[in-house]
Amino acid sequence: MSKKNNSFNADSFGSKQAETPENNFYFGKENYKFMLIGLALIVVGFLLMMGADANTVDGKYDPNSWNEGIFSIRRIRIAPLLVIAGFAVEVYAILRRNK
């Protein structure tokens, strides 16, 4: 009982051209570009949320002071919006089909 190998036999030797390997990666260049854009949006959002604490004056802790800067539009609205937009871009980059 001989086992026949369909992928290679003497009859087909030399008749096939060398096949180029296909790109088997799921993500393409565009996916990685969108991932980097999403990551940049997330990092910028978190950097905008950083800043002086509620109890600091000139960078030093003062329990008798209150900094209203923690309620600024930048920290409450803009920074979280950028972080959420960054995560949305990341989801799009992962789900985007490679062409």
PDB file of N, CA and C in Angstrom:
ATOM      1  N   MET A   1       0.826  -1.169   0.000  1.00  0.00           N
ATOM      2  CA  MET A   1       0.000   0.000   0.000  1.00  0.00           C
ATOM      3  C   MET A   1       0.877   1.241   0.000  1.00  0.00           C
ATOM      4  N   SER A   2       0.831   1.935  -1.063  1.00  0.00           N
ATOM      5  CA  SER A   2       1.608   3.166  -1.135  1.00  0.00           C
ATOM      6  C   SER A   2       0.673   4.355  -0.952  1.00  0.00           C
ATOM      7  N   LYS A   3       1.174   5.306  -0.264  1.00  0.00           N
ATOM      8  CA  LYS A   3       0.397   6.509   0.013  1.00  0.00           C
ATOM      9  C   LYS A   3       0.699   7.527  -1.077  1.00  0.00           C
ATOM     10  N   LYS A   4      -0.330   8.028  -1.729  1.00  0.00           N
ATOM     11  CA  LYS A   4      -0.129   8.977  -2.814  1.00  0.00           C
ATOM     12  C   LYS A   4      -0.129  10.402  -2.265  1.00  0.00           C
ATOM     13  N   ASN A   5       0.873  11.151  -2.650  1.00  0.00           N
ATOM     14  CA  ASN A   5       1.001  12.544  -2.228  1.00  0.00           C
ATOM     15  C   ASN A   5       0.518  13.430  -3.369  1.00  0.00           C
ATOM     16  N   ASN A   6      -0.582  14.149  -3.155  1.00  0.00           N
ATOM     17  CA  ASN A   6      -1.158  14.983  -4.214  1.00  0.00           C
ATOM     18  C   ASN A   6      -0.407  16.288  -4.423  1.00  0.00           C
ATOM     19  N   SER A   7       0.347  16.739  -3.446  1.00  0.00           N
ATOM     20  CA  SER A   7       1.010  18.026  -3.597  1.00  0.00           C
ATOM     21  C   SER A   7       2.254  17.948  -4.487  1.00  0.00           C
ATOM     22  N   PHE A   8       2.838  16.778  -4.618  1.00  0.00           N
ATOM     23  CA  PHE A   8       4.041  16.650  -5.442  1.00  0.00           C
ATOM     24  C   PHE A   8       4.073  15.258  -6.041  1.00  0.00           C
ATOM     25  N   ASN A   9       4.209  15.204  -7.358  1.00  0.00           N
ATOM     26  CA  ASN A   9       4.437  13.924  -8.026  1.00  0.00           C
ATOM     27  C   ASN A   9       5.314  14.160  -9.239  1.00  0.00           C
ATOM     28  N   ALA A  10       5.782  13.102  -9.847  1.00  0.00           N
ATOM     29  CA  ALA A  10       6.744  13.206 -10.948  1.00  0.00           C
ATOM     30  C   ALA A  10       6.119  13.818 -12.194  1.00  0.00           C
ATOM     31  N   ASP A  11       4.815  13.638 -12.392  1.00  0.00           N
ATOM     32  CA  ASP A  11       4.166  14.177 -13.595  1.00  0.00           C
ATOM     33  C   ASP A  11       4.100  15.702 -13.587  1.00  0.00           C
ATOM     34  N   SER A  12       3.934  16.260 -12.414  1.00  0.00           N
ATOM     35  CA  SER A  12       3.793  17.718 -12.341  1.00  0.00           C
ATOM     36  C   SER A  12       5.117  18.417 -12.071  1.00  0.00           C
ATOM     37  N   PHE A  13       6.203  17.680 -12.034  1.00  0.00           N
ATOM     38  CA  PHE A  13       7.498  18.277 -11.727  1.00  0.00           C
ATOM     39  C   PHE A  13       7.918  19.212 -12.847  1.00  0.00           C
ATOM     40  N   GLY A  14       8.202  20.464 -12.506  1.00  0.00           N
ATOM     41  CA  GLY A  14       8.672  21.436 -13.483  1.00  0.00           C
ATOM     42  C   GLY A  14       7.571  22.159 -14.220  1.00  0.00           C
ATOM     43  N   SER A  15       6.325  21.739 -14.077  1.00  0.00           N
ATOM     44  CA  SER A  15       5.259  22.396 -14.822  1.00  0.00           C
ATOM     45  C   SER A  15       4.673  23.594 -14.086  1.00  0.00           C
ATOM     46  N   LYS A  16       4.835  23.618 -12.777  1.00  0.00           N
ATOM     47  CA  LYS A  16       4.294  24.734 -12.003  1.00  0.00           C
ATOM     48  C   LYS A  16       5.348  25.824 -11.840  1.00  0.00           C
ATOM     49  N   GLN A  17       4.884  27.050 -11.922  1.00  0.00           N
ATOM     50  CA  GLN A  17       5.756  28.181 -11.640  1.00  0.00           C
ATOM     51  C   GLN A  17       5.872  28.352 -10.133  1.00  0.00           C
ATOM     52  N   ALA A  18       6.927  28.966  -9.705  1.00  0.00           N
ATOM     53  CA  ALA A  18       7.095  29.230  -8.277  1.00  0.00           C
ATOM     54  C   ALA A  18       6.026  30.224  -7.835  1.00  0.00           C
ATOM     55  N   GLU A  19       5.266  29.835  -6.821  1.00  0.00           N
ATOM     56  CA  GLU A  19       4.206  30.702  -6.338  1.00  0.00           C
ATOM     57  C   GLU A  19       4.764  31.703  -5.337  1.00  0.00           C
ATOM     58  N   THR A  20       4.286  32.932  -5.441  1.00  0.00           N
ATOM     59  CA  THR A  20       4.738  33.941  -4.480  1.00  0.00           C
ATOM     60  C   THR A  20       3.942  33.769  -3.194  1.00  0.00           C
ATOM     61  N   PRO A  21       4.589  33.899  -2.075  1.00  0.00           N
ATOM     62  CA  PRO A  21       3.857  33.734  -0.810  1.00  0.00           C
ATOM     63  C   PRO A  21       2.869  34.885  -0.614  1.00  0.00           C
ATOM     64  N   GLU A  22       1.676  34.530  -0.130  1.00  0.00           N
ATOM     65  CA  GLU A  22       0.658  35.545   0.122  1.00  0.00           C
ATOM     66  C   GLU A  22       0.913  36.215   1.459  1.00  0.00           C
ATOM     67  N   ASN A  23       0.415  37.427   1.573  1.00  0.00           N
ATOM     68  CA  ASN A  23       0.517  38.149   2.835  1.00  0.00           C
ATOM     69  C   ASN A  23      -0.552  37.598   3.774  1.00  0.00           C
ATOM     70  N   ASN A  24      -0.131  36.900   4.831  1.00  0.00           N
ATOM     71  CA  ASN A  24      -1.072  36.272   5.743  1.00  0.00           C
ATOM     72  C   ASN A  24      -1.327  37.107   6.986  1.00  0.00           C
ATOM     73  N   PHE A  25      -0.837  38.335   7.024  1.00  0.00           N
ATOM     74  CA  PHE A  25      -1.080  39.199   8.171  1.00  0.00           C
ATOM     75  C   PHE A  25      -2.497  39.739   8.103  1.00  0.00           C
ATOM     76  N   TYR A  26      -3.148  39.813   9.259  1.00  0.00           N
ATOM     77  CA  TYR A  26      -4.515  40.329   9.287  1.00  0.00           C
ATOM     78  C   TYR A  26      -4.529  41.848   9.136  1.00  0.00           C
ATOM     79  N   PHE A  27      -3.564  42.515   9.753  1.00  0.00           N
ATOM     80  CA  PHE A  27      -3.514  43.970   9.706  1.00  0.00           C
ATOM     81  C   PHE A  27      -2.584  44.434   8.596  1.00  0.00           C
ATOM     82  N   GLY A  28      -3.029  45.463   7.893  1.00  0.00           N
ATOM     83  CA  GLY A  28      -2.198  46.066   6.858  1.00  0.00           C
ATOM     84  C   GLY A  28      -1.638  47.400   7.335  1.00  0.00           C
ATOM     85  N   LYS A  29      -1.042  48.134   6.402  1.00  0.00           N
ATOM     86  CA  LYS A  29      -0.451  49.434   6.744  1.00  0.00           C
ATOM     87  C   LYS A  29      -1.500  50.410   7.265  1.00  0.00           C
ATOM     88  N   GLU A  30      -2.649  50.419   6.635  1.00  0.00           N
ATOM     89  CA  GLU A  30      -3.706  51.348   7.044  1.00  0.00           C
ATOM     90  C   GLU A  30      -4.187  51.047   8.463  1.00  0.00           C
ATOM     91  N   ASN A  31      -4.280  49.770   8.806  1.00  0.00           N
ATOM     92  CA  ASN A  31      -4.707  49.405  10.159  1.00  0.00           C
ATOM     93  C   ASN A  31      -3.727  49.947  11.191  1.00  0.00           C
ATOM     94  N   TYR A  32      -2.446  49.767  10.936  1.00  0.00           N
ATOM     95  CA  TYR A  32      -1.436  50.244  11.881  1.00  0.00           C
ATOM     96  C   TYR A  32      -1.429  51.773  11.956  1.00  0.00           C
ATOM     97  N   LYS A  33      -1.697  52.430  10.826  1.00  0.00           N
ATOM     98  CA  LYS A  33      -1.763  53.895  10.833  1.00  0.00           C
ATOM     99  C   LYS A  33      -2.911  54.371  11.726  1.00  0.00           C
ATOM    100  N   PHE A  34      -4.065  53.738  11.583  1.00  0.00           N
ATOM    101  CA  PHE A  34      -5.205  54.110  12.420  1.00  0.00           C
ATOM    102  C   PHE A  34      -4.955  53.759  13.890  1.00  0.00           C
ATOM    103  N   MET A  35      -4.252  52.657  14.148  1.00  0.00           N
ATOM    104  CA  MET A  35      -3.926  52.303  15.535  1.00  0.00           C
ATOM    105  C   MET A  35      -3.018  53.356  16.173  1.00  0.00           C
ATOM    106  N   LEU A  36      -2.048  53.842  15.427  1.00  0.00           N
ATOM    107  CA  LEU A  36      -1.160  54.877  15.960  1.00  0.00           C
ATOM    108  C   LEU A  36      -1.913  56.192  16.178  1.00  0.00           C
ATOM    109  N   ILE A  37      -2.833  56.520  15.280  1.00  0.00           N
ATOM    110  CA  ILE A  37      -3.637  57.732  15.459  1.00  0.00           C
ATOM    111  C   ILE A  37      -4.500  57.602  16.712  1.00  0.00           C
ATOM    112  N   GLY A  38      -5.125  56.452  16.903  1.00  0.00           N
ATOM    113  CA  GLY A  38      -5.935  56.222  18.093  1.00  0.00           C
ATOM    114  C   GLY A  38      -5.114  56.286  19.366  1.00  0.00           C
ATOM    115  N   LEU A  39      -3.935  55.693  19.343  1.00  0.00           N
ATOM    116  CA  LEU A  39      -3.051  55.741  20.509  1.00  0.00           C
ATOM    117  C   LEU A  39      -2.631  57.173  20.813  1.00  0.00           C
ATOM    118  N   ALA A  40      -2.340  57.954  19.777  1.00  0.00           N
ATOM    119  CA  ALA A  40      -1.963  59.354  19.981  1.00  0.00           C
ATOM    120  C   ALA A  40      -3.116  60.149  20.597  1.00  0.00           C
ATOM    121  N   LEU A  41      -4.349  59.889  20.147  1.00  0.00           N
ATOM    122  CA  LEU A  41      -5.500  60.585  20.722  1.00  0.00           C
ATOM    123  C   LEU A  41      -5.680  60.230  22.199  1.00  0.00           C
ATOM    124  N   ILE A  42      -5.486  58.971  22.546  1.00  0.00           N
ATOM    125  CA  ILE A  42      -5.615  58.545  23.939  1.00  0.00           C
ATOM    126  C   ILE A  42      -4.545  59.206  24.802  1.00  0.00           C
ATOM    127  N   VAL A  43      -3.318  59.219  24.325  1.00  0.00           N
ATOM    128  CA  VAL A  43      -2.219  59.818  25.097  1.00  0.00           C
ATOM    129  C   VAL A  43      -2.448  61.320  25.271  1.00  0.00           C
ATOM    130  N   VAL A  44      -2.856  62.010  24.203  1.00  0.00           N
ATOM    131  CA  VAL A  44      -3.115  63.454  24.311  1.00  0.00           C
ATOM    132  C   VAL A  44      -4.262  63.714  25.285  1.00  0.00           C
ATOM    133  N   GLY A  45      -5.290  62.875  25.243  1.00  0.00           N
ATOM    134  CA  GLY A  45      -6.408  63.036  26.180  1.00  0.00           C
ATOM    135  C   GLY A  45      -5.963  62.902  27.622  1.00  0.00           C
ATOM    136  N   PHE A  46      -5.143  61.902  27.920  1.00  0.00           N
ATOM    137  CA  PHE A  46      -4.668  61.738  29.291  1.00  0.00           C
ATOM    138  C   PHE A  46      -3.706  62.849  29.702  1.00  0.00           C
ATOM    139  N   LEU A  47      -2.903  63.333  28.764  1.00  0.00           N
ATOM    140  CA  LEU A  47      -2.009  64.448  29.092  1.00  0.00           C
ATOM    141  C   LEU A  47      -2.804  65.721  29.390  1.00  0.00           C
ATOM    142  N   LEU A  48      -3.907  65.925  28.685  1.00  0.00           N
ATOM    143  CA  LEU A  48      -4.746  67.093  28.965  1.00  0.00           C
ATOM    144  C   LEU A  48      -5.449  66.981  30.315  1.00  0.00           C
ATOM    145  N   MET A  49      -5.694  65.763  30.779  1.00  0.00           N
ATOM    146  CA  MET A  49      -6.324  65.591  32.093  1.00  0.00           C
ATOM    147  C   MET A  49      -5.345  65.849  33.234  1.00  0.00           C
ATOM    148  N   MET A  50      -4.055  65.716  32.960  1.00  0.00           N
ATOM    149  CA  MET A  50      -3.070  65.929  34.026  1.00  0.00           C
ATOM    150  C   MET A  50      -2.974  67.404  34.380  1.00  0.00           C
ATOM    151  N   GLY A  51      -2.439  67.661  35.518  1.00  0.00           N
ATOM    152  CA  GLY A  51      -2.234  69.036  35.931  1.00  0.00           C
ATOM    153  C   GLY A  51      -2.134  69.135  37.431  1.00  0.00           C
ATOM    154  N   ALA A  52      -2.184  70.355  37.904  1.00  0.00           N
ATOM    155  CA  ALA A  52      -2.079  70.580  39.350  1.00  0.00           C
ATOM    156  C   ALA A  52      -3.254  69.947  40.063  1.00  0.00           C
ATOM    157  N   ASP A  53      -2.992  69.436  41.229  1.00  0.00           N
ATOM    158  CA  ASP A  53      -4.027  68.808  42.046  1.00  0.00           C
ATOM    159  C   ASP A  53      -4.984  69.858  42.587  1.00  0.00           C
ATOM    160  N   ALA A  54      -6.014  69.429  43.255  1.00  0.00           N
ATOM    161  CA  ALA A  54      -6.967  70.370  43.835  1.00  0.00           C
ATOM    162  C   ALA A  54      -6.368  71.110  45.022  1.00  0.00           C
ATOM    163  N   ASN A  55      -5.403  70.510  45.685  1.00  0.00           N
ATOM    164  CA  ASN A  55      -4.843  71.104  46.904  1.00  0.00           C
ATOM    165  C   ASN A  55      -3.392  71.526  46.720  1.00  0.00           C
ATOM    166  N   THR A  56      -3.050  72.073  45.580  1.00  0.00           N
ATOM    167  CA  THR A  56      -1.673  72.529  45.378  1.00  0.00           C
ATOM    168  C   THR A  56      -1.658  74.005  45.018  1.00  0.00           C
ATOM    169  N   VAL A  57      -0.652  74.657  45.488  1.00  0.00           N
ATOM    170  CA  VAL A  57      -0.389  76.044  45.131  1.00  0.00           C
ATOM    171  C   VAL A  57       1.055  76.093  44.666  1.00  0.00           C
ATOM    172  N   ASP A  58       1.261  76.442  43.416  1.00  0.00           N
ATOM    173  CA  ASP A  58       2.594  76.482  42.814  1.00  0.00           C
ATOM    174  C   ASP A  58       3.313  75.141  42.948  1.00  0.00           C
ATOM    175  N   GLY A  59       2.568  74.050  42.822  1.00  0.00           N
ATOM    176  CA  GLY A  59       3.161  72.724  42.849  1.00  0.00           C
ATOM    177  C   GLY A  59       3.411  72.155  44.227  1.00  0.00           C
ATOM    178  N   LYS A  60       3.069  72.874  45.268  1.00  0.00           N
ATOM    179  CA  LYS A  60       3.282  72.390  46.638  1.00  0.00           C
ATOM    180  C   LYS A  60       1.940  72.133  47.299  1.00  0.00           C
ATOM    181  N   TYR A  61       1.860  71.070  48.057  1.00  0.00           N
ATOM    182  CA  TYR A  61       0.621  70.684  48.730  1.00  0.00           C
ATOM    183  C   TYR A  61       0.255  71.691  49.810  1.00  0.00           C
ATOM    184  N   ASP A  62      -0.985  72.167  49.734  1.00  0.00           N
ATOM    185  CA  ASP A  62      -1.495  73.097  50.735  1.00  0.00           C
ATOM    186  C   ASP A  62      -2.921  72.675  51.093  1.00  0.00           C
ATOM    187  N   PRO A  63      -3.139  72.118  52.281  1.00  0.00           N
ATOM    188  CA  PRO A  63      -4.478  71.634  52.629  1.00  0.00           C
ATOM    189  C   PRO A  63      -5.495  72.759  52.831  1.00  0.00           C
ATOM    190  N   ASN A  64      -5.058  73.988  52.928  1.00  0.00           N
ATOM    191  CA  ASN A  64      -5.977  75.112  53.151  1.00  0.00           C
ATOM    192  C   ASN A  64      -6.380  75.819  51.865  1.00  0.00           C
ATOM    193  N   SER A  65      -5.975  75.305  50.733  1.00  0.00           N
ATOM    194  CA  SER A  65      -6.313  75.959  49.461  1.00  0.00           C
ATOM    195  C   SER A  65      -7.109  74.998  48.580  1.00  0.00           C
ATOM    196  N   TRP A  66      -7.814  75.578  47.636  1.00  0.00           N
ATOM    197  CA  TRP A  66      -8.601  74.799  46.694  1.00  0.00           C
ATOM    198  C   TRP A  66      -8.389  75.369  45.307  1.00  0.00           C
ATOM    199  N   ASN A  67      -8.012  74.519  44.384  1.00  0.00           N
ATOM    200  CA  ASN A  67      -7.750  74.935  43.019  1.00  0.00           C
ATOM    201  C   ASN A  67      -8.966  74.603  42.154  1.00  0.00           C
ATOM    202  N   GLU A  68      -9.634  75.615  41.634  1.00  0.00           N
ATOM    203  CA  GLU A  68     -10.815  75.405  40.784  1.00  0.00           C
ATOM    204  C   GLU A  68     -10.440  74.892  39.397  1.00  0.00           C
ATOM    205  N   GLY A  69      -9.152  74.794  39.134  1.00  0.00           N
ATOM    206  CA  GLY A  69      -8.697  74.327  37.822  1.00  0.00           C
ATOM    207  C   GLY A  69      -9.086  72.895  37.506  1.00  0.00           C
ATOM    208  N   ILE A  70      -9.430  72.115  38.531  1.00  0.00           N
ATOM    209  CA  ILE A  70      -9.820  70.736  38.242  1.00  0.00           C
ATOM    210  C   ILE A  70     -11.174  70.660  37.557  1.00  0.00           C
ATOM    211  N   PHE A  71     -11.938  71.728  37.582  1.00  0.00           N
ATOM    212  CA  PHE A  71     -13.236  71.754  36.934  1.00  0.00           C
ATOM    213  C   PHE A  71     -13.202  72.495  35.600  1.00  0.00           C
ATOM    214  N   SER A  72     -12.041  72.638  35.005  1.00  0.00           N
ATOM    215  CA  SER A  72     -11.932  73.368  33.741  1.00  0.00           C
ATOM    216  C   SER A  72     -12.532  72.552  32.594  1.00  0.00           C
ATOM    217  N   ILE A  73     -12.875  73.250  31.536  1.00  0.00           N
ATOM    218  CA  ILE A  73     -13.444  72.613  30.346  1.00  0.00           C
ATOM    219  C   ILE A  73     -12.451  71.612  29.761  1.00  0.00           C
ATOM    220  N   ARG A  74     -11.176  71.930  29.844  1.00  0.00           N
ATOM    221  CA  ARG A  74     -10.142  71.052  29.301  1.00  0.00           C
ATOM    222  C   ARG A  74     -10.165  69.688  29.976  1.00  0.00           C
ATOM    223  N   ARG A  75     -10.302  69.655  31.304  1.00  0.00           N
ATOM    224  CA  ARG A  75     -10.259  68.390  32.048  1.00  0.00           C
ATOM    225  C   ARG A  75     -11.590  67.662  32.068  1.00  0.00           C
ATOM    226  N   ILE A  76     -12.677  68.393  32.041  1.00  0.00           N
ATOM    227  CA  ILE A  76     -13.991  67.780  32.182  1.00  0.00           C
ATOM    228  C   ILE A  76     -14.586  67.363  30.841  1.00  0.00           C
ATOM    229  N   ARG A  77     -14.345  68.124  29.790  1.00  0.00           N
ATOM    230  CA  ARG A  77     -14.995  67.861  28.496  1.00  0.00           C
ATOM    231  C   ARG A  77     -14.021  67.412  27.409  1.00  0.00           C
ATOM    232  N   ILE A  78     -12.992  68.194  27.156  1.00  0.00           N
ATOM    233  CA  ILE A  78     -12.132  67.955  25.996  1.00  0.00           C
ATOM    234  C   ILE A  78     -11.296  66.684  26.153  1.00  0.00           C
ATOM    235  N   ALA A  79     -10.635  66.522  27.284  1.00  0.00           N
ATOM    236  CA  ALA A  79      -9.752  65.362  27.479  1.00  0.00           C
ATOM    237  C   ALA A  79     -10.507  64.032  27.433  1.00  0.00           C
ATOM    238  N   PRO A  80     -11.629  63.889  28.158  1.00  0.00           N
ATOM    239  CA  PRO A  80     -12.357  62.612  28.040  1.00  0.00           C
ATOM    240  C   PRO A  80     -12.891  62.355  26.632  1.00  0.00           C
ATOM    241  N   LEU A  81     -13.283  63.432  25.924  1.00  0.00           N
ATOM    242  CA  LEU A  81     -13.749  63.268  24.553  1.00  0.00           C
ATOM    243  C   LEU A  81     -12.635  62.734  23.660  1.00  0.00           C
ATOM    244  N   LEU A  82     -11.420  63.234  23.845  1.00  0.00           N
ATOM    245  CA  LEU A  82     -10.286  62.738  23.057  1.00  0.00           C
ATOM    246  C   LEU A  82      -9.971  61.284  23.385  1.00  0.00           C
ATOM    247  N   VAL A  83     -10.065  60.917  24.655  1.00  0.00           N
ATOM    248  CA  VAL A  83      -9.793  59.528  25.044  1.00  0.00           C
ATOM    249  C   VAL A  83     -10.835  58.596  24.421  1.00  0.00           C
ATOM    250  N   ILE A  84     -12.101  58.969  24.494  1.00  0.00           N
ATOM    251  CA  ILE A  84     -13.161  58.134  23.907  1.00  0.00           C
ATOM    252  C   ILE A  84     -13.005  58.063  22.391  1.00  0.00           C
ATOM    253  N   ALA A  85     -12.656  59.179  21.761  1.00  0.00           N
ATOM    254  CA  ALA A  85     -12.426  59.171  20.314  1.00  0.00           C
ATOM    255  C   ALA A  85     -11.246  58.269  19.965  1.00  0.00           C
ATOM    256  N   GLY A  86     -10.205  58.283  20.799  1.00  0.00           N
ATOM    257  CA  GLY A  86      -9.055  57.410  20.565  1.00  0.00           C
ATOM    258  C   GLY A  86      -9.426  55.942  20.640  1.00  0.00           C
ATOM    259  N   PHE A  87     -10.259  55.583  21.629  1.00  0.00           N
ATOM    260  CA  PHE A  87     -10.695  54.194  21.730  1.00  0.00           C
ATOM    261  C   PHE A  87     -11.595  53.817  20.543  1.00  0.00           C
ATOM    262  N   ALA A  88     -12.415  54.741  20.070  1.00  0.00           N
ATOM    263  CA  ALA A  88     -13.256  54.470  18.902  1.00  0.00           C
ATOM    264  C   ALA A  88     -12.390  54.242  17.659  1.00  0.00           C
ATOM    265  N   VAL A  89     -11.347  55.037  17.491  1.00  0.00           N
ATOM    266  CA  VAL A  89     -10.435  54.854  16.357  1.00  0.00           C
ATOM    267  C   VAL A  89      -9.715  53.514  16.476  1.00  0.00           C
ATOM    268  N   GLU A  90      -9.347  53.108  17.686  1.00  0.00           N
ATOM    269  CA  GLU A  90      -8.703  51.802  17.887  1.00  0.00           C
ATOM    270  C   GLU A  90      -9.637  50.661  17.482  1.00  0.00           C
ATOM    271  N   VAL A  91     -10.894  50.751  17.871  1.00  0.00           N
ATOM    272  CA  VAL A  91     -11.861  49.705  17.496  1.00  0.00           C
ATOM    273  C   VAL A  91     -12.015  49.667  15.981  1.00  0.00           C
ATOM    274  N   TYR A  92     -12.095  50.844  15.352  1.00  0.00           N
ATOM    275  CA  TYR A  92     -12.201  50.895  13.892  1.00  0.00           C
ATOM    276  C   TYR A  92     -10.961  50.281  13.239  1.00  0.00           C
ATOM    277  N   ALA A  93      -9.780  50.576  13.783  1.00  0.00           N
ATOM    278  CA  ALA A  93      -8.543  50.051  13.204  1.00  0.00           C
ATOM    279  C   ALA A  93      -8.482  48.533  13.318  1.00  0.00           C
ATOM    280  N   ILE A  94      -9.001  47.987  14.397  1.00  0.00           N
ATOM    281  CA  ILE A  94      -8.975  46.535  14.570  1.00  0.00           C
ATOM    282  C   ILE A  94     -10.007  45.859  13.664  1.00  0.00           C
ATOM    283  N   LEU A  95     -11.184  46.457  13.534  1.00  0.00           N
ATOM    284  CA  LEU A  95     -12.250  45.836  12.745  1.00  0.00           C
ATOM    285  C   LEU A  95     -12.151  46.118  11.244  1.00  0.00           C
ATOM    286  N   ARG A  96     -11.325  47.066  10.854  1.00  0.00           N
ATOM    287  CA  ARG A  96     -11.194  47.418   9.446  1.00  0.00           C
ATOM    288  C   ARG A  96     -10.583  46.250   8.683  1.00  0.00           C
ATOM    289  N   ARG A  97     -11.182  45.924   7.564  1.00  0.00           N
ATOM    290  CA  ARG A  97     -10.717  44.802   6.761  1.00  0.00           C
ATOM    291  C   ARG A  97      -9.525  45.221   5.915  1.00  0.00           C
ATOM    292  N   ASN A  98      -8.519  44.383   5.891  1.00  0.00           N
ATOM    293  CA  ASN A  98      -7.318  44.646   5.096  1.00  0.00           C
ATOM    294  C   ASN A  98      -7.626  44.348   3.630  1.00  0.00           C
ATOM    295  N   LYS A  99      -7.316  45.297   2.758  1.00  0.00           N
ATOM    296  CA  LYS A  99      -7.612  45.098   1.321  1.00  0.00           C
ATOM    297  C   LYS A  99      -6.428  44.551   0.598  1.00  0.00           C
TER     298      LYS A  99
END
